Amino acid sequence: MIKKRRWLTFMLAMIPGVGHLYLGFKKQGLQFMIGASLCIMFIPSEPMIFPFALAALWFYQLFDALQKAAWMKITAAEHERMMFHPDSFGEPWTMGMSAMPGYPHEDVNPAWVGIGCVVAGFLMLVISAFPTLWRMLIEINIGTILLSLGLIAYGLKMLRNNTRA
């Protein structure tokens, strides 16, 4: 396992997605790059929403890259310990800690990517082909209404999938 430097991860993560690409999380790095690009493209159409979304995305990807770099450092140390001292599993090498579990990879459902592409394409079509319709939708705060409906739907989905209740 190749050790990755946390300071270099931090510096590369200043550009959304590049830190993840450096760590080997190519799919997630590209998702962050595409998300940041879309936020930048939509800033002129919704200047109250997309700068905030871009900032949230940037901070999330920065701290996620740093957390993944720390996880990779811990697992590399555990791997080296097991390679050079395979019979010493337990005290004092683990300091009472159990073995490191695998890093949880959350795969994105392709259906969500497809839905996002359709919504973004529809939005760009309305903005460019029907500017009067777009101005009318902005006057009735359609962005806030859609964001509210999206948050409500996501909250209901989370409540429905809650297994502890």
N, C-alpha and C. Protein backbone atom coordinates (compact mmCIF):
# COMPACT_ATOMS: atom_id res chain seq x y z
N MET A 1 0.85 -1.18 0.00
CA MET A 1 0.00 0.00 0.00
C MET A 1 0.88 1.23 0.00
N ILE A 2 0.65 2.13 -0.91
CA ILE A 2 1.44 3.35 -1.03
C ILE A 2 0.93 4.37 -0.02
N LYS A 3 1.87 4.92 0.76
CA LYS A 3 1.49 5.92 1.75
C LYS A 3 1.24 7.26 1.06
N LYS A 4 0.19 7.90 1.46
CA LYS A 4 -0.17 9.22 0.91
C LYS A 4 0.09 10.28 1.97
N ARG A 5 0.59 11.41 1.54
CA ARG A 5 0.90 12.50 2.47
C ARG A 5 -0.35 13.35 2.71
N ARG A 6 -0.63 13.59 3.99
CA ARG A 6 -1.83 14.37 4.34
C ARG A 6 -1.71 15.82 3.91
N TRP A 7 -0.53 16.41 4.02
CA TRP A 7 -0.37 17.81 3.64
C TRP A 7 -0.57 17.98 2.15
N LEU A 8 -0.11 17.00 1.35
CA LEU A 8 -0.32 17.08 -0.09
C LEU A 8 -1.79 16.86 -0.43
N THR A 9 -2.44 15.96 0.31
CA THR A 9 -3.88 15.76 0.13
C THR A 9 -4.63 17.06 0.40
N PHE A 10 -4.24 17.75 1.48
CA PHE A 10 -4.88 19.03 1.83
C PHE A 10 -4.69 20.06 0.72
N MET A 11 -3.47 20.18 0.22
CA MET A 11 -3.19 21.16 -0.83
C MET A 11 -3.95 20.83 -2.12
N LEU A 12 -3.99 19.54 -2.48
CA LEU A 12 -4.70 19.17 -3.71
C LEU A 12 -6.21 19.28 -3.55
N ALA A 13 -6.71 19.10 -2.33
CA ALA A 13 -8.15 19.18 -2.10
C ALA A 13 -8.67 20.61 -2.16
N MET A 14 -7.78 21.60 -2.31
CA MET A 14 -8.24 22.97 -2.51
C MET A 14 -9.03 23.09 -3.81
N ILE A 15 -8.72 22.23 -4.77
CA ILE A 15 -9.51 22.13 -6.00
C ILE A 15 -10.44 20.95 -5.81
N PRO A 16 -11.75 21.15 -5.86
CA PRO A 16 -12.68 20.06 -5.55
C PRO A 16 -12.43 18.80 -6.38
N GLY A 17 -12.25 17.69 -5.67
CA GLY A 17 -12.10 16.39 -6.29
C GLY A 17 -10.67 15.94 -6.51
N VAL A 18 -9.71 16.87 -6.57
CA VAL A 18 -8.34 16.49 -6.88
C VAL A 18 -7.71 15.72 -5.71
N GLY A 19 -8.05 16.07 -4.49
CA GLY A 19 -7.54 15.33 -3.33
C GLY A 19 -8.01 13.88 -3.35
N HIS A 20 -9.27 13.67 -3.74
CA HIS A 20 -9.79 12.30 -3.83
C HIS A 20 -9.11 11.53 -4.96
N LEU A 21 -8.84 12.21 -6.07
CA LEU A 21 -8.13 11.55 -7.17
C LEU A 21 -6.73 11.14 -6.72
N TYR A 22 -6.05 11.97 -5.96
CA TYR A 22 -4.72 11.66 -5.45
C TYR A 22 -4.76 10.43 -4.54
N LEU A 23 -5.82 10.31 -3.73
CA LEU A 23 -5.93 9.18 -2.82
C LEU A 23 -6.39 7.90 -3.50
N GLY A 24 -6.83 8.00 -4.75
CA GLY A 24 -7.26 6.82 -5.48
C GLY A 24 -8.76 6.65 -5.55
N PHE A 25 -9.52 7.58 -5.02
CA PHE A 25 -10.98 7.54 -5.08
C PHE A 25 -11.42 8.31 -6.33
N LYS A 26 -11.22 7.67 -7.47
CA LYS A 26 -11.44 8.35 -8.76
C LYS A 26 -12.90 8.72 -8.98
N LYS A 27 -13.79 7.79 -8.70
CA LYS A 27 -15.22 8.04 -8.94
C LYS A 27 -15.72 9.20 -8.09
N GLN A 28 -15.35 9.19 -6.82
CA GLN A 28 -15.80 10.26 -5.93
C GLN A 28 -15.16 11.59 -6.29
N GLY A 29 -13.89 11.56 -6.71
CA GLY A 29 -13.22 12.78 -7.13
C GLY A 29 -13.90 13.41 -8.33
N LEU A 30 -14.27 12.58 -9.29
CA LEU A 30 -14.97 13.10 -10.47
C LEU A 30 -16.35 13.63 -10.11
N GLN A 31 -17.02 12.98 -9.17
CA GLN A 31 -18.33 13.48 -8.74
C GLN A 31 -18.21 14.86 -8.10
N PHE A 32 -17.18 15.05 -7.28
CA PHE A 32 -16.99 16.37 -6.67
C PHE A 32 -16.64 17.41 -7.72
N MET A 33 -15.83 17.04 -8.70
CA MET A 33 -15.48 17.98 -9.77
C MET A 33 -16.70 18.38 -10.57
N ILE A 34 -17.53 17.41 -10.94
CA ILE A 34 -18.74 17.70 -11.71
C ILE A 34 -19.70 18.55 -10.88
N GLY A 35 -19.86 18.21 -9.60
CA GLY A 35 -20.75 18.99 -8.74
C GLY A 35 -20.30 20.43 -8.60
N ALA A 36 -19.00 20.64 -8.42
CA ALA A 36 -18.49 22.01 -8.30
C ALA A 36 -18.65 22.76 -9.62
N SER A 37 -18.41 22.08 -10.73
CA SER A 37 -18.58 22.73 -12.04
C SER A 37 -20.03 23.14 -12.26
N LEU A 38 -20.95 22.27 -11.90
CA LEU A 38 -22.38 22.61 -12.06
C LEU A 38 -22.76 23.78 -11.17
N CYS A 39 -22.26 23.79 -9.94
CA CYS A 39 -22.56 24.93 -9.06
C CYS A 39 -22.03 26.23 -9.65
N ILE A 40 -20.82 26.20 -10.19
CA ILE A 40 -20.25 27.41 -10.79
C ILE A 40 -21.06 27.84 -12.00
N MET A 41 -21.52 26.87 -12.82
CA MET A 41 -22.31 27.21 -14.00
C MET A 41 -23.66 27.81 -13.64
N PHE A 42 -24.26 27.36 -12.52
CA PHE A 42 -25.59 27.83 -12.16
C PHE A 42 -25.58 29.06 -11.25
N ILE A 43 -24.42 29.54 -10.85
CA ILE A 43 -24.36 30.74 -10.00
C ILE A 43 -25.05 31.94 -10.65
N PRO A 44 -24.85 32.22 -11.96
CA PRO A 44 -25.55 33.38 -12.54
C PRO A 44 -27.07 33.26 -12.52
N SER A 45 -27.59 32.04 -12.62
CA SER A 45 -29.05 31.90 -12.66
C SER A 45 -29.68 31.96 -11.27
N GLU A 46 -29.00 31.46 -10.25
CA GLU A 46 -29.51 31.48 -8.88
C GLU A 46 -28.40 31.94 -7.94
N PRO A 47 -28.13 33.24 -7.89
CA PRO A 47 -27.00 33.71 -7.10
C PRO A 47 -27.17 33.60 -5.59
N MET A 48 -28.35 33.25 -5.12
CA MET A 48 -28.56 33.10 -3.68
C MET A 48 -28.37 31.65 -3.22
N ILE A 49 -28.43 30.69 -4.11
CA ILE A 49 -28.39 29.27 -3.73
C ILE A 49 -27.06 28.62 -4.06
N PHE A 50 -26.59 28.79 -5.28
CA PHE A 50 -25.45 28.01 -5.74
C PHE A 50 -24.11 28.42 -5.12
N PRO A 51 -23.87 29.67 -4.74
CA PRO A 51 -22.62 29.93 -4.01
C PRO A 51 -22.58 29.20 -2.67
N PHE A 52 -23.72 29.13 -1.99
CA PHE A 52 -23.79 28.39 -0.74
C PHE A 52 -23.58 26.89 -0.98
N ALA A 53 -24.19 26.36 -2.03
CA ALA A 53 -24.01 24.95 -2.35
C ALA A 53 -22.56 24.65 -2.70
N LEU A 54 -21.91 25.57 -3.42
CA LEU A 54 -20.50 25.38 -3.78
C LEU A 54 -19.62 25.39 -2.53
N ALA A 55 -19.89 26.30 -1.61
CA ALA A 55 -19.10 26.36 -0.38
C ALA A 55 -19.29 25.09 0.45
N ALA A 56 -20.54 24.63 0.57
CA ALA A 56 -20.81 23.41 1.32
C ALA A 56 -20.11 22.21 0.68
N LEU A 57 -20.19 22.11 -0.63
CA LEU A 57 -19.53 21.03 -1.35
C LEU A 57 -18.02 21.10 -1.16
N TRP A 58 -17.45 22.29 -1.23
CA TRP A 58 -16.01 22.45 -1.10
C TRP A 58 -15.53 22.01 0.29
N PHE A 59 -16.21 22.50 1.35
CA PHE A 59 -15.81 22.12 2.71
C PHE A 59 -15.99 20.63 2.93
N TYR A 60 -17.09 20.07 2.45
CA TYR A 60 -17.33 18.64 2.65
C TYR A 60 -16.24 17.81 1.98
N GLN A 61 -15.91 18.13 0.72
CA GLN A 61 -14.91 17.33 0.02
C GLN A 61 -13.53 17.51 0.63
N LEU A 62 -13.23 18.70 1.16
CA LEU A 62 -11.94 18.94 1.79
C LEU A 62 -11.78 18.06 3.03
N PHE A 63 -12.76 18.10 3.92
CA PHE A 63 -12.65 17.32 5.15
C PHE A 63 -12.79 15.82 4.88
N ASP A 64 -13.56 15.44 3.88
CA ASP A 64 -13.67 14.03 3.52
C ASP A 64 -12.34 13.50 3.00
N ALA A 65 -11.64 14.28 2.19
CA ALA A 65 -10.33 13.87 1.67
C ALA A 65 -9.33 13.72 2.82
N LEU A 66 -9.35 14.66 3.77
CA LEU A 66 -8.44 14.57 4.90
C LEU A 66 -8.75 13.36 5.78
N GLN A 67 -10.04 13.07 5.96
CA GLN A 67 -10.42 11.91 6.75
C GLN A 67 -10.00 10.61 6.05
N LYS A 68 -10.15 10.56 4.76
CA LYS A 68 -9.74 9.37 4.02
C LYS A 68 -8.22 9.21 4.04
N ALA A 69 -7.48 10.32 4.00
CA ALA A 69 -6.02 10.25 4.08
C ALA A 69 -5.59 9.71 5.44
N ALA A 70 -6.25 10.16 6.51
CA ALA A 70 -5.94 9.66 7.84
C ALA A 70 -6.27 8.18 7.95
N TRP A 71 -7.39 7.77 7.39
CA TRP A 71 -7.77 6.35 7.41
C TRP A 71 -6.73 5.52 6.65
N MET A 72 -6.27 6.02 5.51
CA MET A 72 -5.28 5.29 4.73
C MET A 72 -3.96 5.17 5.49
N LYS A 73 -3.59 6.20 6.26
CA LYS A 73 -2.36 6.14 7.06
C LYS A 73 -2.50 5.08 8.15
N ILE A 74 -3.64 5.02 8.81
CA ILE A 74 -3.85 4.03 9.87
C ILE A 74 -3.86 2.62 9.30
N THR A 75 -4.52 2.42 8.18
CA THR A 75 -4.57 1.08 7.61
C THR A 75 -3.21 0.66 7.06
N ALA A 76 -2.41 1.63 6.57
CA ALA A 76 -1.06 1.28 6.11
C ALA A 76 -0.20 0.83 7.28
N ALA A 77 -0.32 1.53 8.42
CA ALA A 77 0.42 1.13 9.61
C ALA A 77 -0.03 -0.26 10.08
N GLU A 78 -1.31 -0.52 10.06
CA GLU A 78 -1.84 -1.83 10.46
C GLU A 78 -1.35 -2.91 9.50
N HIS A 79 -1.32 -2.59 8.21
CA HIS A 79 -0.85 -3.54 7.21
C HIS A 79 0.63 -3.88 7.44
N GLU A 80 1.43 -2.86 7.69
CA GLU A 80 2.85 -3.09 7.96
C GLU A 80 3.04 -3.91 9.21
N ARG A 81 2.27 -3.64 10.25
CA ARG A 81 2.37 -4.39 11.49
C ARG A 81 2.06 -5.86 11.26
N MET A 82 1.02 -6.12 10.48
CA MET A 82 0.65 -7.51 10.20
C MET A 82 1.66 -8.19 9.28
N MET A 83 2.30 -7.45 8.38
CA MET A 83 3.28 -8.04 7.48
C MET A 83 4.57 -8.40 8.20
N PHE A 84 5.03 -7.51 9.07
CA PHE A 84 6.32 -7.72 9.72
C PHE A 84 6.22 -8.45 11.05
N HIS A 85 5.04 -8.47 11.65
CA HIS A 85 4.83 -9.15 12.92
C HIS A 85 3.53 -9.94 12.87
N PRO A 86 3.41 -10.95 11.99
CA PRO A 86 2.13 -11.65 11.85
C PRO A 86 1.75 -12.45 13.08
N ASP A 87 2.72 -12.85 13.90
CA ASP A 87 2.39 -13.65 15.08
C ASP A 87 2.11 -12.79 16.30
N SER A 88 2.18 -11.48 16.17
CA SER A 88 2.04 -10.60 17.33
C SER A 88 0.69 -9.91 17.35
N PHE A 89 -0.30 -10.55 16.86
CA PHE A 89 -1.63 -9.92 16.86
C PHE A 89 -2.12 -9.84 18.30
N GLY A 90 -2.46 -8.70 18.74
CA GLY A 90 -2.92 -8.50 20.11
C GLY A 90 -2.01 -7.53 20.84
N GLU A 91 -2.00 -7.59 22.16
CA GLU A 91 -1.19 -6.70 22.98
C GLU A 91 0.28 -6.95 22.72
N PRO A 92 1.17 -6.02 22.80
CA PRO A 92 0.97 -4.59 22.98
C PRO A 92 0.83 -3.85 21.66
N TRP A 93 0.88 -4.57 20.55
CA TRP A 93 0.92 -3.91 19.25
C TRP A 93 -0.36 -3.16 18.92
N THR A 94 -1.50 -3.71 19.26
CA THR A 94 -2.75 -3.03 18.92
C THR A 94 -3.19 -2.06 19.99
N MET A 95 -2.52 -2.05 21.14
CA MET A 95 -2.87 -1.16 22.24
C MET A 95 -4.32 -1.34 22.65
N GLY A 96 -4.80 -2.57 22.62
CA GLY A 96 -6.16 -2.86 23.05
C GLY A 96 -7.22 -2.58 22.01
N MET A 97 -6.82 -2.14 20.81
CA MET A 97 -7.79 -1.83 19.76
C MET A 97 -8.02 -3.06 18.90
N SER A 98 -9.21 -3.18 18.39
CA SER A 98 -9.51 -4.27 17.47
C SER A 98 -8.96 -3.91 16.10
N ALA A 99 -8.95 -4.88 15.20
CA ALA A 99 -8.44 -4.65 13.85
C ALA A 99 -9.27 -3.59 13.14
N MET A 100 -8.64 -2.86 12.25
CA MET A 100 -9.32 -1.80 11.51
C MET A 100 -10.31 -2.40 10.52
N PRO A 101 -11.53 -1.95 10.53
CA PRO A 101 -12.46 -2.41 9.50
C PRO A 101 -12.17 -1.73 8.18
N GLY A 102 -12.70 -2.27 7.12
CA GLY A 102 -12.54 -1.65 5.81
C GLY A 102 -13.26 -0.32 5.75
N TYR A 103 -12.75 0.58 4.94
CA TYR A 103 -13.37 1.89 4.83
C TYR A 103 -14.71 1.74 4.12
N PRO A 104 -15.76 2.32 4.67
CA PRO A 104 -17.07 2.18 4.04
C PRO A 104 -17.17 3.00 2.76
N HIS A 105 -17.32 2.34 1.65
CA HIS A 105 -17.49 3.01 0.37
C HIS A 105 -18.97 3.12 0.08
N GLU A 106 -19.43 4.34 -0.08
CA GLU A 106 -20.82 4.55 -0.41
C GLU A 106 -20.93 4.76 -1.91
N ASP A 107 -21.44 3.75 -2.59
CA ASP A 107 -21.61 3.88 -4.03
C ASP A 107 -22.87 4.68 -4.33
N VAL A 108 -22.77 5.51 -5.30
CA VAL A 108 -23.90 6.33 -5.71
C VAL A 108 -24.74 5.52 -6.69
N ASN A 109 -26.02 5.49 -6.42
CA ASN A 109 -26.93 4.78 -7.29
C ASN A 109 -26.99 5.51 -8.64
N PRO A 110 -26.78 4.79 -9.75
CA PRO A 110 -26.81 5.45 -11.06
C PRO A 110 -28.14 6.14 -11.36
N ALA A 111 -29.21 5.68 -10.72
CA ALA A 111 -30.51 6.33 -10.94
C ALA A 111 -30.47 7.78 -10.44
N TRP A 112 -29.77 8.04 -9.33
CA TRP A 112 -29.68 9.40 -8.81
C TRP A 112 -28.85 10.28 -9.74
N VAL A 113 -27.81 9.72 -10.30
CA VAL A 113 -27.00 10.47 -11.26
C VAL A 113 -27.84 10.81 -12.49
N GLY A 114 -28.61 9.85 -12.96
CA GLY A 114 -29.49 10.09 -14.11
C GLY A 114 -30.54 11.15 -13.82
N ILE A 115 -31.14 11.07 -12.64
CA ILE A 115 -32.15 12.07 -12.26
C ILE A 115 -31.51 13.46 -12.19
N GLY A 116 -30.30 13.53 -11.61
CA GLY A 116 -29.60 14.82 -11.53
C GLY A 116 -29.29 15.38 -12.91
N CYS A 117 -28.88 14.51 -13.84
CA CYS A 117 -28.58 14.98 -15.20
C CYS A 117 -29.84 15.47 -15.91
N VAL A 118 -30.95 14.76 -15.72
CA VAL A 118 -32.21 15.18 -16.36
C VAL A 118 -32.67 16.52 -15.78
N VAL A 119 -32.61 16.68 -14.47
CA VAL A 119 -33.03 17.94 -13.85
C VAL A 119 -32.13 19.09 -14.30
N ALA A 120 -30.80 18.86 -14.30
CA ALA A 120 -29.88 19.92 -14.72
C ALA A 120 -30.10 20.27 -16.19
N GLY A 121 -30.31 19.28 -17.04
CA GLY A 121 -30.57 19.55 -18.45
C GLY A 121 -31.87 20.30 -18.66
N PHE A 122 -32.91 19.91 -17.93
CA PHE A 122 -34.20 20.61 -18.02
C PHE A 122 -34.07 22.05 -17.57
N LEU A 123 -33.32 22.26 -16.49
CA LEU A 123 -33.12 23.61 -15.98
C LEU A 123 -32.37 24.48 -17.00
N MET A 124 -31.33 23.92 -17.59
CA MET A 124 -30.56 24.68 -18.59
C MET A 124 -31.42 24.97 -19.82
N LEU A 125 -32.27 24.03 -20.21
CA LEU A 125 -33.16 24.25 -21.35
C LEU A 125 -34.13 25.39 -21.06
N VAL A 126 -34.73 25.39 -19.88
CA VAL A 126 -35.69 26.45 -19.53
C VAL A 126 -34.98 27.79 -19.47
N ILE A 127 -33.76 27.83 -18.91
CA ILE A 127 -33.03 29.09 -18.78
C ILE A 127 -32.68 29.66 -20.15
N SER A 128 -32.20 28.79 -21.05
CA SER A 128 -31.72 29.31 -22.33
C SER A 128 -32.82 29.45 -23.39
N ALA A 129 -33.77 28.51 -23.45
CA ALA A 129 -34.77 28.53 -24.52
C ALA A 129 -36.00 29.37 -24.16
N PHE A 130 -36.31 29.44 -22.88
CA PHE A 130 -37.52 30.16 -22.46
C PHE A 130 -37.17 31.16 -21.36
N PRO A 131 -36.47 32.25 -21.69
CA PRO A 131 -36.05 33.19 -20.64
C PRO A 131 -37.22 33.89 -19.95
N THR A 132 -38.31 34.12 -20.66
CA THR A 132 -39.46 34.77 -20.00
C THR A 132 -40.09 33.83 -18.99
N LEU A 133 -40.18 32.56 -19.33
CA LEU A 133 -40.70 31.57 -18.37
C LEU A 133 -39.77 31.49 -17.16
N TRP A 134 -38.47 31.54 -17.40
CA TRP A 134 -37.51 31.48 -16.31
C TRP A 134 -37.66 32.69 -15.38
N ARG A 135 -37.82 33.88 -15.95
CA ARG A 135 -38.01 35.07 -15.12
C ARG A 135 -39.29 34.97 -14.30
N MET A 136 -40.35 34.41 -14.90
CA MET A 136 -41.60 34.24 -14.17
C MET A 136 -41.42 33.25 -13.01
N LEU A 137 -40.67 32.16 -13.25
CA LEU A 137 -40.43 31.18 -12.20
C LEU A 137 -39.58 31.76 -11.08
N ILE A 138 -38.65 32.63 -11.42
CA ILE A 138 -37.82 33.27 -10.40
C ILE A 138 -38.67 34.21 -9.55
N GLU A 139 -39.61 34.89 -10.19
CA GLU A 139 -40.46 35.83 -9.44
C GLU A 139 -41.31 35.11 -8.39
N ILE A 140 -41.71 33.87 -8.67
CA ILE A 140 -42.51 33.14 -7.68
C ILE A 140 -41.62 32.27 -6.78
N ASN A 141 -40.30 32.51 -6.80
CA ASN A 141 -39.33 31.80 -5.96
C ASN A 141 -39.38 30.29 -6.16
N ILE A 142 -39.33 29.86 -7.41
CA ILE A 142 -39.40 28.44 -7.71
C ILE A 142 -38.21 27.67 -7.14
N GLY A 143 -37.03 28.32 -7.06
CA GLY A 143 -35.86 27.65 -6.50
C GLY A 143 -36.07 27.29 -5.04
N THR A 144 -36.61 28.22 -4.26
CA THR A 144 -36.87 27.96 -2.85
C THR A 144 -37.95 26.91 -2.69
N ILE A 145 -38.97 26.97 -3.53
CA ILE A 145 -40.05 25.97 -3.46
C ILE A 145 -39.51 24.58 -3.78
N LEU A 146 -38.71 24.46 -4.84
CA LEU A 146 -38.16 23.15 -5.20
C LEU A 146 -37.19 22.64 -4.15
N LEU A 147 -36.37 23.52 -3.59
CA LEU A 147 -35.45 23.11 -2.53
C LEU A 147 -36.22 22.63 -1.31
N SER A 148 -37.27 23.34 -0.95
CA SER A 148 -38.10 22.93 0.19
C SER A 148 -38.74 21.57 -0.05
N LEU A 149 -39.29 21.37 -1.25
CA LEU A 149 -39.90 20.08 -1.57
C LEU A 149 -38.87 18.96 -1.57
N GLY A 150 -37.67 19.26 -2.09
CA GLY A 150 -36.61 18.26 -2.09
C GLY A 150 -36.18 17.87 -0.69
N LEU A 151 -36.04 18.86 0.20
CA LEU A 151 -35.67 18.57 1.58
C LEU A 151 -36.76 17.78 2.31
N ILE A 152 -38.00 18.13 2.07
CA ILE A 152 -39.10 17.40 2.69
C ILE A 152 -39.12 15.95 2.19
N ALA A 153 -38.97 15.76 0.89
CA ALA A 153 -38.96 14.40 0.33
C ALA A 153 -37.79 13.59 0.88
N TYR A 154 -36.61 14.21 0.96
CA TYR A 154 -35.45 13.49 1.49
C TYR A 154 -35.64 13.14 2.96
N GLY A 155 -36.20 14.07 3.73
CA GLY A 155 -36.48 13.80 5.14
C GLY A 155 -37.47 12.66 5.33
N LEU A 156 -38.52 12.66 4.52
CA LEU A 156 -39.49 11.57 4.60
C LEU A 156 -38.87 10.23 4.21
N LYS A 157 -37.98 10.25 3.22
CA LYS A 157 -37.29 9.03 2.82
C LYS A 157 -36.39 8.52 3.95
N MET A 158 -35.69 9.45 4.61
CA MET A 158 -34.84 9.06 5.73
C MET A 158 -35.66 8.50 6.88
N LEU A 159 -36.79 9.10 7.16
CA LEU A 159 -37.65 8.59 8.23
C LEU A 159 -38.23 7.21 7.89
N ARG A 160 -38.55 7.02 6.62
CA ARG A 160 -39.11 5.74 6.19
C ARG A 160 -38.05 4.63 6.28
N ASN A 161 -36.79 4.96 5.98
CA ASN A 161 -35.72 3.98 5.99
C ASN A 161 -35.09 3.80 7.35
N ASN A 162 -35.54 4.56 8.35
CA ASN A 162 -34.98 4.46 9.70
C ASN A 162 -35.38 3.13 10.31
N THR A 163 -34.42 2.30 10.62
CA THR A 163 -34.73 0.98 11.17
C THR A 163 -34.78 0.98 12.69
N ARG A 164 -34.29 2.04 13.34
CA ARG A 164 -34.30 2.08 14.80
C ARG A 164 -35.64 2.47 15.38
N ALA A 165 -36.51 3.05 14.60
CA ALA A 165 -37.79 3.55 15.11
C ALA A 165 -38.75 2.41 15.40
